[in-house]
Amino acid sequence: MRRLSLTEQDDRIPSWFRMWTKTAAVCVEVTLLCLLIGGCIEDRRADKAYQQGDYSKTANELRYLAEHGDVRAQYDLGVLYDTGEGVPQDNHEAMSWYQRAAEQGEARAQYNLGLMYANGQGVPQDYAEAYYWITLAAAQGNVHAVEAREYYAEKMTPAQKARAKELLDLHARRAAVPGYCQFCLNK
């Protein structure tokens, strides 16, 4: 049995089917482009509102992006709740947004989350958890985290240091598992 060349195969495919598949491919590309541009437009709107001092509008623009997984928006929304700009100051809400961004590898969120644990801001004070998050931020080159890590290490008891080491060891073991993404959620 002889194989058909590409042109011969193309001749055997009905023209309506070829047109439909091309149209479907273009629709998928346009949809993806719109989603990407839409996110960028929302991001620019949030930046513009923030620069104009309209923090309430900034929070609204960021919320959409943050709820759809945008790491920067999650961090920025955490900052707004942390400082009370445009939204009521709420340590628990700030912690929640920092946590989401930190788990996806946002170093600034990891640092701020560590500080919240260290200061007992919205949670019971926990130097081990603080050290863990601050160390992750420091590993990414956050200079403030490097200094803070040393500062909090001096305040920790031997039991807190042991617990922090356990957290970091667990993180390292997970990171060594094939297919593990250290900054992906729920892994």
N, C-alpha and C. Protein backbone atom coordinates (compact mmCIF):
# COMPACT_ATOMS: atom_id res chain seq x y z
N MET A 1 0.83 -1.18 0.00
CA MET A 1 0.00 0.00 0.00
C MET A 1 0.88 1.24 0.00
N ARG A 2 0.59 2.17 -0.86
CA ARG A 2 1.38 3.38 -1.02
C ARG A 2 0.91 4.47 -0.05
N ARG A 3 1.88 5.17 0.57
CA ARG A 3 1.55 6.30 1.44
C ARG A 3 1.21 7.51 0.60
N LEU A 4 0.28 8.30 1.11
CA LEU A 4 -0.09 9.52 0.41
C LEU A 4 0.84 10.65 0.81
N SER A 5 1.19 11.48 -0.16
CA SER A 5 2.00 12.65 0.16
C SER A 5 1.10 13.66 0.89
N LEU A 6 1.73 14.68 1.45
CA LEU A 6 0.97 15.69 2.17
C LEU A 6 -0.04 16.38 1.27
N THR A 7 0.36 16.67 0.05
CA THR A 7 -0.59 17.35 -0.86
C THR A 7 -1.73 16.43 -1.24
N GLU A 8 -1.43 15.15 -1.43
CA GLU A 8 -2.50 14.20 -1.75
C GLU A 8 -3.43 14.03 -0.55
N GLN A 9 -2.86 14.02 0.64
CA GLN A 9 -3.70 13.91 1.84
C GLN A 9 -4.58 15.15 1.96
N ASP A 10 -3.99 16.30 1.68
CA ASP A 10 -4.73 17.54 1.77
C ASP A 10 -5.91 17.57 0.80
N ASP A 11 -5.73 16.97 -0.38
CA ASP A 11 -6.80 16.92 -1.37
C ASP A 11 -7.95 16.04 -0.91
N ARG A 12 -7.68 15.06 -0.08
CA ARG A 12 -8.72 14.14 0.37
C ARG A 12 -9.53 14.70 1.54
N ILE A 13 -9.02 15.78 2.20
CA ILE A 13 -9.73 16.41 3.32
C ILE A 13 -10.71 17.42 2.73
N PRO A 14 -11.96 17.33 3.10
CA PRO A 14 -12.94 18.28 2.55
C PRO A 14 -12.55 19.73 2.86
N SER A 15 -12.80 20.60 1.93
CA SER A 15 -12.41 22.00 2.09
C SER A 15 -13.12 22.65 3.28
N TRP A 16 -14.37 22.28 3.55
CA TRP A 16 -15.08 22.86 4.68
C TRP A 16 -14.38 22.51 5.99
N PHE A 17 -13.79 21.27 6.07
CA PHE A 17 -13.11 20.85 7.30
C PHE A 17 -11.81 21.62 7.47
N ARG A 18 -11.08 21.82 6.38
CA ARG A 18 -9.84 22.60 6.45
C ARG A 18 -10.14 24.02 6.91
N MET A 19 -11.20 24.61 6.37
CA MET A 19 -11.57 25.97 6.74
C MET A 19 -11.99 26.02 8.22
N TRP A 20 -12.74 25.03 8.66
CA TRP A 20 -13.20 24.99 10.05
C TRP A 20 -12.02 24.90 11.01
N THR A 21 -11.04 24.03 10.71
CA THR A 21 -9.89 23.88 11.61
C THR A 21 -9.04 25.15 11.64
N LYS A 22 -8.89 25.82 10.50
CA LYS A 22 -8.14 27.08 10.48
C LYS A 22 -8.87 28.15 11.30
N THR A 23 -10.17 28.21 11.14
CA THR A 23 -10.97 29.17 11.90
C THR A 23 -10.89 28.90 13.39
N ALA A 24 -10.99 27.63 13.76
CA ALA A 24 -10.91 27.26 15.18
C ALA A 24 -9.55 27.65 15.76
N ALA A 25 -8.48 27.41 14.99
CA ALA A 25 -7.14 27.76 15.47
C ALA A 25 -7.00 29.26 15.67
N VAL A 26 -7.53 30.05 14.75
CA VAL A 26 -7.47 31.50 14.87
C VAL A 26 -8.28 31.95 16.09
N CYS A 27 -9.44 31.35 16.31
CA CYS A 27 -10.27 31.71 17.48
C CYS A 27 -9.53 31.43 18.78
N VAL A 28 -8.86 30.31 18.86
CA VAL A 28 -8.10 29.98 20.07
C VAL A 28 -6.98 31.00 20.28
N GLU A 29 -6.26 31.35 19.22
CA GLU A 29 -5.18 32.33 19.34
C GLU A 29 -5.71 33.69 19.78
N VAL A 30 -6.82 34.12 19.20
CA VAL A 30 -7.41 35.41 19.55
C VAL A 30 -7.87 35.41 21.01
N THR A 31 -8.48 34.31 21.44
CA THR A 31 -8.94 34.21 22.83
C THR A 31 -7.77 34.31 23.80
N LEU A 32 -6.70 33.57 23.52
CA LEU A 32 -5.52 33.63 24.39
C LEU A 32 -4.92 35.03 24.43
N LEU A 33 -4.85 35.68 23.28
CA LEU A 33 -4.30 37.03 23.21
C LEU A 33 -5.16 37.99 24.03
N CYS A 34 -6.48 37.87 23.91
CA CYS A 34 -7.38 38.74 24.68
C CYS A 34 -7.20 38.53 26.18
N LEU A 35 -7.05 37.28 26.60
CA LEU A 35 -6.85 37.01 28.02
C LEU A 35 -5.56 37.63 28.52
N LEU A 36 -4.50 37.49 27.72
CA LEU A 36 -3.22 38.07 28.12
C LEU A 36 -3.29 39.59 28.16
N ILE A 37 -3.87 40.19 27.12
CA ILE A 37 -3.96 41.64 27.07
C ILE A 37 -4.88 42.14 28.17
N GLY A 38 -5.98 41.43 28.40
CA GLY A 38 -6.90 41.83 29.47
C GLY A 38 -6.20 41.91 30.80
N GLY A 39 -5.38 40.92 31.13
CA GLY A 39 -4.62 40.92 32.37
C GLY A 39 -3.66 42.09 32.43
N CYS A 40 -3.03 42.38 31.31
CA CYS A 40 -2.09 43.50 31.26
C CYS A 40 -2.81 44.83 31.45
N ILE A 41 -4.00 44.95 30.83
CA ILE A 41 -4.76 46.18 30.97
C ILE A 41 -5.18 46.37 32.41
N GLU A 42 -5.67 45.30 33.05
CA GLU A 42 -6.07 45.39 34.45
C GLU A 42 -4.87 45.80 35.31
N ASP A 43 -3.70 45.22 35.01
CA ASP A 43 -2.49 45.52 35.77
C ASP A 43 -2.13 47.00 35.62
N ARG A 44 -2.21 47.51 34.38
CA ARG A 44 -1.89 48.92 34.15
C ARG A 44 -2.89 49.84 34.82
N ARG A 45 -4.17 49.43 34.83
CA ARG A 45 -5.18 50.24 35.50
C ARG A 45 -4.87 50.34 37.00
N ALA A 46 -4.49 49.22 37.58
CA ALA A 46 -4.16 49.21 39.01
C ALA A 46 -2.96 50.10 39.29
N ASP A 47 -1.93 50.00 38.44
CA ASP A 47 -0.74 50.85 38.62
C ASP A 47 -1.10 52.33 38.51
N LYS A 48 -1.91 52.66 37.51
CA LYS A 48 -2.29 54.06 37.29
C LYS A 48 -3.11 54.58 38.48
N ALA A 49 -4.05 53.78 38.94
CA ALA A 49 -4.88 54.19 40.09
C ALA A 49 -4.01 54.40 41.32
N TYR A 50 -3.03 53.52 41.53
CA TYR A 50 -2.14 53.65 42.69
C TYR A 50 -1.32 54.94 42.60
N GLN A 51 -0.78 55.20 41.42
CA GLN A 51 0.04 56.41 41.23
C GLN A 51 -0.78 57.69 41.43
N GLN A 52 -2.09 57.61 41.16
CA GLN A 52 -2.97 58.77 41.36
C GLN A 52 -3.50 58.85 42.79
N GLY A 53 -3.12 57.87 43.62
CA GLY A 53 -3.55 57.88 45.00
C GLY A 53 -4.95 57.33 45.22
N ASP A 54 -5.54 56.72 44.20
CA ASP A 54 -6.88 56.14 44.31
C ASP A 54 -6.73 54.68 44.74
N TYR A 55 -6.48 54.49 46.03
CA TYR A 55 -6.17 53.16 46.54
C TYR A 55 -7.37 52.22 46.55
N SER A 56 -8.55 52.78 46.67
CA SER A 56 -9.75 51.95 46.62
C SER A 56 -9.90 51.33 45.23
N LYS A 57 -9.70 52.14 44.20
CA LYS A 57 -9.77 51.63 42.82
C LYS A 57 -8.63 50.64 42.59
N THR A 58 -7.47 50.94 43.13
CA THR A 58 -6.33 50.03 43.00
C THR A 58 -6.69 48.66 43.55
N ALA A 59 -7.29 48.64 44.74
CA ALA A 59 -7.67 47.37 45.37
C ALA A 59 -8.67 46.61 44.51
N ASN A 60 -9.64 47.32 43.95
CA ASN A 60 -10.64 46.65 43.09
C ASN A 60 -9.99 46.06 41.84
N GLU A 61 -9.10 46.80 41.22
CA GLU A 61 -8.42 46.31 40.01
C GLU A 61 -7.52 45.11 40.34
N LEU A 62 -6.83 45.19 41.48
CA LEU A 62 -5.92 44.11 41.87
C LEU A 62 -6.68 42.84 42.26
N ARG A 63 -7.83 43.01 42.88
CA ARG A 63 -8.59 41.85 43.35
C ARG A 63 -8.91 40.89 42.21
N TYR A 64 -9.34 41.41 41.09
CA TYR A 64 -9.65 40.56 39.93
C TYR A 64 -8.42 39.75 39.54
N LEU A 65 -7.30 40.42 39.39
CA LEU A 65 -6.06 39.74 38.99
C LEU A 65 -5.62 38.73 40.05
N ALA A 66 -5.67 39.15 41.31
CA ALA A 66 -5.22 38.29 42.41
C ALA A 66 -6.07 37.03 42.50
N GLU A 67 -7.37 37.17 42.35
CA GLU A 67 -8.25 36.01 42.43
C GLU A 67 -8.03 35.04 41.26
N HIS A 68 -7.43 35.53 40.19
CA HIS A 68 -7.14 34.68 39.04
C HIS A 68 -5.67 34.24 39.01
N GLY A 69 -5.00 34.36 40.16
CA GLY A 69 -3.67 33.77 40.31
C GLY A 69 -2.48 34.65 39.99
N ASP A 70 -2.70 35.93 39.69
CA ASP A 70 -1.58 36.82 39.39
C ASP A 70 -0.77 37.07 40.67
N VAL A 71 0.46 36.61 40.67
CA VAL A 71 1.30 36.65 41.87
C VAL A 71 1.59 38.08 42.32
N ARG A 72 1.92 38.93 41.38
CA ARG A 72 2.22 40.33 41.74
C ARG A 72 0.99 40.99 42.34
N ALA A 73 -0.18 40.75 41.76
CA ALA A 73 -1.42 41.33 42.28
C ALA A 73 -1.73 40.80 43.68
N GLN A 74 -1.45 39.53 43.91
CA GLN A 74 -1.66 38.96 45.24
C GLN A 74 -0.77 39.66 46.26
N TYR A 75 0.49 39.84 45.90
CA TYR A 75 1.41 40.54 46.81
C TYR A 75 0.94 41.98 47.05
N ASP A 76 0.63 42.70 45.96
CA ASP A 76 0.22 44.09 46.08
C ASP A 76 -1.06 44.23 46.91
N LEU A 77 -2.00 43.32 46.72
CA LEU A 77 -3.23 43.37 47.50
C LEU A 77 -2.93 43.09 48.98
N GLY A 78 -1.99 42.20 49.23
CA GLY A 78 -1.54 41.96 50.61
C GLY A 78 -0.98 43.22 51.24
N VAL A 79 -0.21 43.98 50.47
CA VAL A 79 0.35 45.23 50.98
C VAL A 79 -0.77 46.22 51.32
N LEU A 80 -1.77 46.31 50.44
CA LEU A 80 -2.87 47.24 50.71
C LEU A 80 -3.61 46.88 52.00
N TYR A 81 -3.87 45.58 52.19
CA TYR A 81 -4.53 45.17 53.43
C TYR A 81 -3.61 45.34 54.64
N ASP A 82 -2.33 45.15 54.43
CA ASP A 82 -1.36 45.31 55.52
C ASP A 82 -1.31 46.76 55.98
N THR A 83 -1.35 47.69 55.03
CA THR A 83 -1.21 49.11 55.35
C THR A 83 -2.55 49.83 55.51
N GLY A 84 -3.63 49.19 55.04
CA GLY A 84 -4.95 49.83 55.12
C GLY A 84 -5.17 50.90 54.07
N GLU A 85 -4.49 50.79 52.95
CA GLU A 85 -4.66 51.76 51.86
C GLU A 85 -5.74 51.25 50.90
N GLY A 86 -6.85 51.98 50.80
CA GLY A 86 -7.92 51.63 49.87
C GLY A 86 -8.85 50.54 50.37
N VAL A 87 -8.47 49.90 51.43
CA VAL A 87 -9.27 48.84 52.07
C VAL A 87 -9.08 48.97 53.57
N PRO A 88 -10.02 48.44 54.35
CA PRO A 88 -9.78 48.47 55.80
C PRO A 88 -8.54 47.64 56.15
N GLN A 89 -7.73 48.13 57.05
CA GLN A 89 -6.54 47.38 57.45
C GLN A 89 -7.01 46.07 58.08
N ASP A 90 -6.44 44.96 57.58
CA ASP A 90 -6.88 43.64 58.02
C ASP A 90 -5.70 42.67 57.94
N ASN A 91 -5.13 42.35 59.11
CA ASN A 91 -3.97 41.46 59.14
C ASN A 91 -4.26 40.09 58.56
N HIS A 92 -5.45 39.56 58.82
CA HIS A 92 -5.78 38.22 58.32
C HIS A 92 -5.88 38.21 56.80
N GLU A 93 -6.48 39.25 56.25
CA GLU A 93 -6.60 39.34 54.78
C GLU A 93 -5.22 39.56 54.15
N ALA A 94 -4.40 40.41 54.78
CA ALA A 94 -3.03 40.63 54.29
C ALA A 94 -2.26 39.32 54.30
N MET A 95 -2.39 38.60 55.40
CA MET A 95 -1.70 37.32 55.54
C MET A 95 -2.14 36.34 54.45
N SER A 96 -3.43 36.30 54.18
CA SER A 96 -3.96 35.39 53.16
C SER A 96 -3.37 35.69 51.79
N TRP A 97 -3.33 36.96 51.41
CA TRP A 97 -2.79 37.32 50.09
C TRP A 97 -1.28 37.12 50.02
N TYR A 98 -0.57 37.47 51.10
CA TYR A 98 0.87 37.21 51.14
C TYR A 98 1.15 35.71 51.01
N GLN A 99 0.35 34.91 51.70
CA GLN A 99 0.53 33.44 51.68
C GLN A 99 0.40 32.91 50.25
N ARG A 100 -0.63 33.35 49.56
CA ARG A 100 -0.86 32.89 48.18
C ARG A 100 0.34 33.24 47.29
N ALA A 101 0.80 34.47 47.40
CA ALA A 101 1.93 34.90 46.57
C ALA A 101 3.22 34.21 47.01
N ALA A 102 3.41 34.06 48.31
CA ALA A 102 4.63 33.43 48.83
C ALA A 102 4.73 31.99 48.38
N GLU A 103 3.62 31.28 48.37
CA GLU A 103 3.63 29.87 47.95
C GLU A 103 3.95 29.72 46.47
N GLN A 104 3.81 30.81 45.73
CA GLN A 104 4.16 30.78 44.31
C GLN A 104 5.54 31.36 44.05
N GLY A 105 6.28 31.66 45.15
CA GLY A 105 7.67 32.06 45.00
C GLY A 105 7.93 33.56 45.00
N GLU A 106 6.96 34.38 45.31
CA GLU A 106 7.17 35.82 45.35
C GLU A 106 7.98 36.17 46.60
N ALA A 107 9.24 36.56 46.38
CA ALA A 107 10.18 36.78 47.49
C ALA A 107 9.72 37.89 48.44
N ARG A 108 9.16 38.96 47.90
CA ARG A 108 8.70 40.05 48.78
C ARG A 108 7.56 39.57 49.68
N ALA A 109 6.68 38.74 49.12
CA ALA A 109 5.57 38.19 49.91
C ALA A 109 6.11 37.23 50.97
N GLN A 110 7.11 36.43 50.61
CA GLN A 110 7.72 35.52 51.58
C GLN A 110 8.32 36.31 52.74
N TYR A 111 9.00 37.39 52.41
CA TYR A 111 9.61 38.24 53.43
C TYR A 111 8.54 38.85 54.34
N ASN A 112 7.50 39.46 53.73
CA ASN A 112 6.45 40.09 54.53
C ASN A 112 5.68 39.06 55.36
N LEU A 113 5.46 37.89 54.80
CA LEU A 113 4.79 36.83 55.55
C LEU A 113 5.64 36.43 56.75
N GLY A 114 6.94 36.32 56.54
CA GLY A 114 7.86 36.01 57.63
C GLY A 114 7.81 37.06 58.73
N LEU A 115 7.75 38.32 58.33
CA LEU A 115 7.66 39.40 59.32
C LEU A 115 6.36 39.33 60.11
N MET A 116 5.27 38.96 59.43
CA MET A 116 3.99 38.85 60.13
C MET A 116 4.05 37.74 61.19
N TYR A 117 4.68 36.63 60.84
CA TYR A 117 4.86 35.55 61.83
C TYR A 117 5.78 36.01 62.96
N ALA A 118 6.84 36.71 62.62
CA ALA A 118 7.79 37.15 63.63
C ALA A 118 7.17 38.14 64.61
N ASN A 119 6.29 38.99 64.10
CA ASN A 119 5.69 40.02 64.94
C ASN A 119 4.35 39.61 65.55
N GLY A 120 3.88 38.42 65.20
CA GLY A 120 2.58 38.00 65.69
C GLY A 120 1.46 38.86 65.14
N GLN A 121 1.62 39.26 63.91
CA GLN A 121 0.67 40.18 63.27
C GLN A 121 -0.38 39.35 62.51
N GLY A 122 -1.55 39.18 63.12
CA GLY A 122 -2.61 38.40 62.49
C GLY A 122 -2.53 36.92 62.81
N VAL A 123 -1.47 36.50 63.44
CA VAL A 123 -1.26 35.09 63.85
C VAL A 123 -0.47 35.09 65.15
N PRO A 124 -0.49 34.00 65.87
CA PRO A 124 0.39 33.93 67.05
C PRO A 124 1.86 34.03 66.59
N GLN A 125 2.66 34.70 67.37
CA GLN A 125 4.09 34.84 67.02
C GLN A 125 4.72 33.47 66.88
N ASP A 126 5.47 33.29 65.81
CA ASP A 126 6.10 31.99 65.51
C ASP A 126 7.42 32.25 64.80
N TYR A 127 8.50 32.27 65.55
CA TYR A 127 9.82 32.55 64.98
C TYR A 127 10.27 31.47 64.00
N ALA A 128 9.90 30.24 64.24
CA ALA A 128 10.31 29.16 63.32
C ALA A 128 9.68 29.37 61.94
N GLU A 129 8.38 29.64 61.94
CA GLU A 129 7.68 29.89 60.67
C GLU A 129 8.22 31.16 60.02
N ALA A 130 8.50 32.18 60.82
CA ALA A 130 9.07 33.42 60.30
C ALA A 130 10.42 33.15 59.65
N TYR A 131 11.25 32.40 60.34
CA TYR A 131 12.58 32.08 59.82
C TYR A 131 12.48 31.31 58.51
N TYR A 132 11.54 30.40 58.43
CA TYR A 132 11.33 29.60 57.22
C TYR A 132 11.03 30.51 56.02
N TRP A 133 10.02 31.37 56.16
CA TRP A 133 9.63 32.22 55.03
C TRP A 133 10.71 33.24 54.70
N ILE A 134 11.34 33.79 55.72
CA ILE A 134 12.39 34.78 55.48
C ILE A 134 13.59 34.12 54.80
N THR A 135 13.88 32.88 55.16
CA THR A 135 14.99 32.16 54.51
C THR A 135 14.69 31.91 53.03
N LEU A 136 13.45 31.56 52.70
CA LEU A 136 13.08 31.37 51.29
C LEU A 136 13.25 32.66 50.51
N ALA A 137 12.88 33.78 51.12
CA ALA A 137 13.05 35.07 50.46
C ALA A 137 14.54 35.40 50.30
N ALA A 138 15.32 35.13 51.34
CA ALA A 138 16.76 35.40 51.28
C ALA A 138 17.43 34.56 50.20
N ALA A 139 16.96 33.33 50.03
CA ALA A 139 17.54 32.44 49.01
C ALA A 139 17.32 32.99 47.60
N GLN A 140 16.35 33.86 47.46
CA GLN A 140 16.08 34.48 46.16
C GLN A 140 16.77 35.84 46.02
N GLY A 141 17.56 36.19 47.01
CA GLY A 141 18.34 37.42 46.92
C GLY A 141 17.71 38.64 47.55
N ASN A 142 16.65 38.48 48.31
CA ASN A 142 16.03 39.62 48.98
C ASN A 142 16.97 40.06 50.11
N VAL A 143 17.60 41.23 49.93
CA VAL A 143 18.62 41.68 50.88
C VAL A 143 18.05 41.96 52.26
N HIS A 144 16.82 42.46 52.32
CA HIS A 144 16.20 42.70 53.62
C HIS A 144 16.00 41.39 54.37
N ALA A 145 15.67 40.34 53.62
CA ALA A 145 15.45 39.02 54.22
C ALA A 145 16.75 38.46 54.79
N VAL A 146 17.86 38.71 54.11
CA VAL A 146 19.15 38.21 54.59
C VAL A 146 19.44 38.80 55.96
N GLU A 147 19.24 40.11 56.10
CA GLU A 147 19.48 40.78 57.38
C GLU A 147 18.50 40.30 58.45
N ALA A 148 17.22 40.19 58.06
CA ALA A 148 16.18 39.78 59.02
C ALA A 148 16.41 38.35 59.51
N ARG A 149 16.86 37.50 58.62
CA ARG A 149 17.10 36.10 58.99
C ARG A 149 18.12 36.02 60.12
N GLU A 150 19.17 36.76 60.01
CA GLU A 150 20.20 36.77 61.05
C GLU A 150 19.66 37.36 62.35
N TYR A 151 18.88 38.40 62.22
CA TYR A 151 18.30 39.05 63.40
C TYR A 151 17.40 38.08 64.16
N TYR A 152 16.50 37.41 63.44
CA TYR A 152 15.56 36.50 64.11
C TYR A 152 16.24 35.21 64.58
N ALA A 153 17.29 34.80 63.92
CA ALA A 153 18.03 33.61 64.35
C ALA A 153 18.59 33.83 65.76
N GLU A 154 19.02 35.06 66.04
CA GLU A 154 19.55 35.38 67.36
C GLU A 154 18.48 35.34 68.45
N LYS A 155 17.24 35.58 68.09
CA LYS A 155 16.13 35.61 69.05
C LYS A 155 15.53 34.23 69.30
N MET A 156 15.85 33.26 68.44
CA MET A 156 15.20 31.95 68.51
C MET A 156 15.80 31.05 69.59
N THR A 157 14.93 30.27 70.19
CA THR A 157 15.37 29.25 71.15
C THR A 157 15.88 28.05 70.36
N PRO A 158 16.62 27.14 71.01
CA PRO A 158 17.06 25.92 70.30
C PRO A 158 15.88 25.12 69.73
N ALA A 159 14.76 25.07 70.44
CA ALA A 159 13.59 24.33 69.94
C ALA A 159 13.02 25.01 68.69
N GLN A 160 12.99 26.33 68.68
CA GLN A 160 12.49 27.05 67.51
C GLN A 160 13.43 26.86 66.32
N LYS A 161 14.73 26.85 66.58
CA LYS A 161 15.70 26.62 65.51
C LYS A 161 15.54 25.22 64.93
N ALA A 162 15.29 24.25 65.81
CA ALA A 162 15.10 22.87 65.33
C ALA A 162 13.85 22.77 64.46
N ARG A 163 12.78 23.44 64.87
CA ARG A 163 11.55 23.40 64.09
C ARG A 163 11.74 24.11 62.74
N ALA A 164 12.45 25.23 62.73
CA ALA A 164 12.73 25.94 61.48
C ALA A 164 13.54 25.06 60.55
N LYS A 165 14.50 24.33 61.11
CA LYS A 165 15.31 23.42 60.30
C LYS A 165 14.43 22.32 59.70
N GLU A 166 13.49 21.80 60.49
CA GLU A 166 12.56 20.78 59.98
C GLU A 166 11.74 21.32 58.80
N LEU A 167 11.25 22.54 58.93
CA LEU A 167 10.47 23.15 57.85
C LEU A 167 11.31 23.30 56.58
N LEU A 168 12.54 23.77 56.76
CA LEU A 168 13.42 23.95 55.61
C LEU A 168 13.84 22.61 55.00
N ASP A 169 14.07 21.61 55.85
CA ASP A 169 14.41 20.27 55.34
C ASP A 169 13.26 19.68 54.56
N LEU A 170 12.04 19.85 55.07
CA LEU A 170 10.86 19.35 54.37
C LEU A 170 10.73 20.04 53.02
N HIS A 171 10.95 21.32 53.00
CA HIS A 171 10.90 22.08 51.75
C HIS A 171 11.95 21.55 50.76
N ALA A 172 13.15 21.30 51.24
CA ALA A 172 14.23 20.79 50.39
C ALA A 172 13.90 19.40 49.85
N ARG A 173 13.31 18.54 50.71
CA ARG A 173 12.94 17.19 50.26
C ARG A 173 11.87 17.26 49.18
N ARG A 174 10.90 18.12 49.38
CA ARG A 174 9.85 18.28 48.37
C ARG A 174 10.43 18.78 47.06
N ALA A 175 11.35 19.72 47.17
CA ALA A 175 11.96 20.29 45.97
C ALA A 175 12.78 19.26 45.21
N ALA A 176 13.28 18.24 45.90
CA ALA A 176 14.11 17.21 45.26
C ALA A 176 13.27 16.15 44.54
N VAL A 177 11.96 16.13 44.78
CA VAL A 177 11.09 15.14 44.15
C VAL A 177 10.87 15.54 42.69
N PRO A 178 11.10 14.60 41.75
CA PRO A 178 10.87 14.92 40.33
C PRO A 178 9.43 15.37 40.11
N GLY A 179 9.29 16.44 39.36
CA GLY A 179 7.96 16.96 39.06
C GLY A 179 7.44 17.93 40.10
N TYR A 180 8.17 18.08 41.23
CA TYR A 180 7.74 19.01 42.26
C TYR A 180 8.09 20.42 41.84
N CYS A 181 7.17 21.31 42.00
CA CYS A 181 7.40 22.72 41.72
C CYS A 181 7.39 23.45 43.04
N GLN A 182 8.52 23.97 43.46
CA GLN A 182 8.61 24.57 44.78
C GLN A 182 7.70 25.78 44.93
N PHE A 183 7.35 26.40 43.84
CA PHE A 183 6.51 27.59 43.93
C PHE A 183 5.10 27.38 43.40
N CYS A 184 4.69 26.13 43.23
CA CYS A 184 3.33 25.84 42.80
C CYS A 184 2.47 25.57 44.02
N LEU A 185 1.23 25.92 43.92
CA LEU A 185 0.31 25.71 45.05
C LEU A 185 -0.03 24.24 45.19
N ASN A 186 -0.35 23.84 46.40
CA ASN A 186 -0.86 22.50 46.72
C ASN A 186 0.07 21.37 46.30
N LYS A 187 1.36 21.56 46.41
CA LYS A 187 2.30 20.48 46.07
C LYS A 187 2.96 19.99 47.33
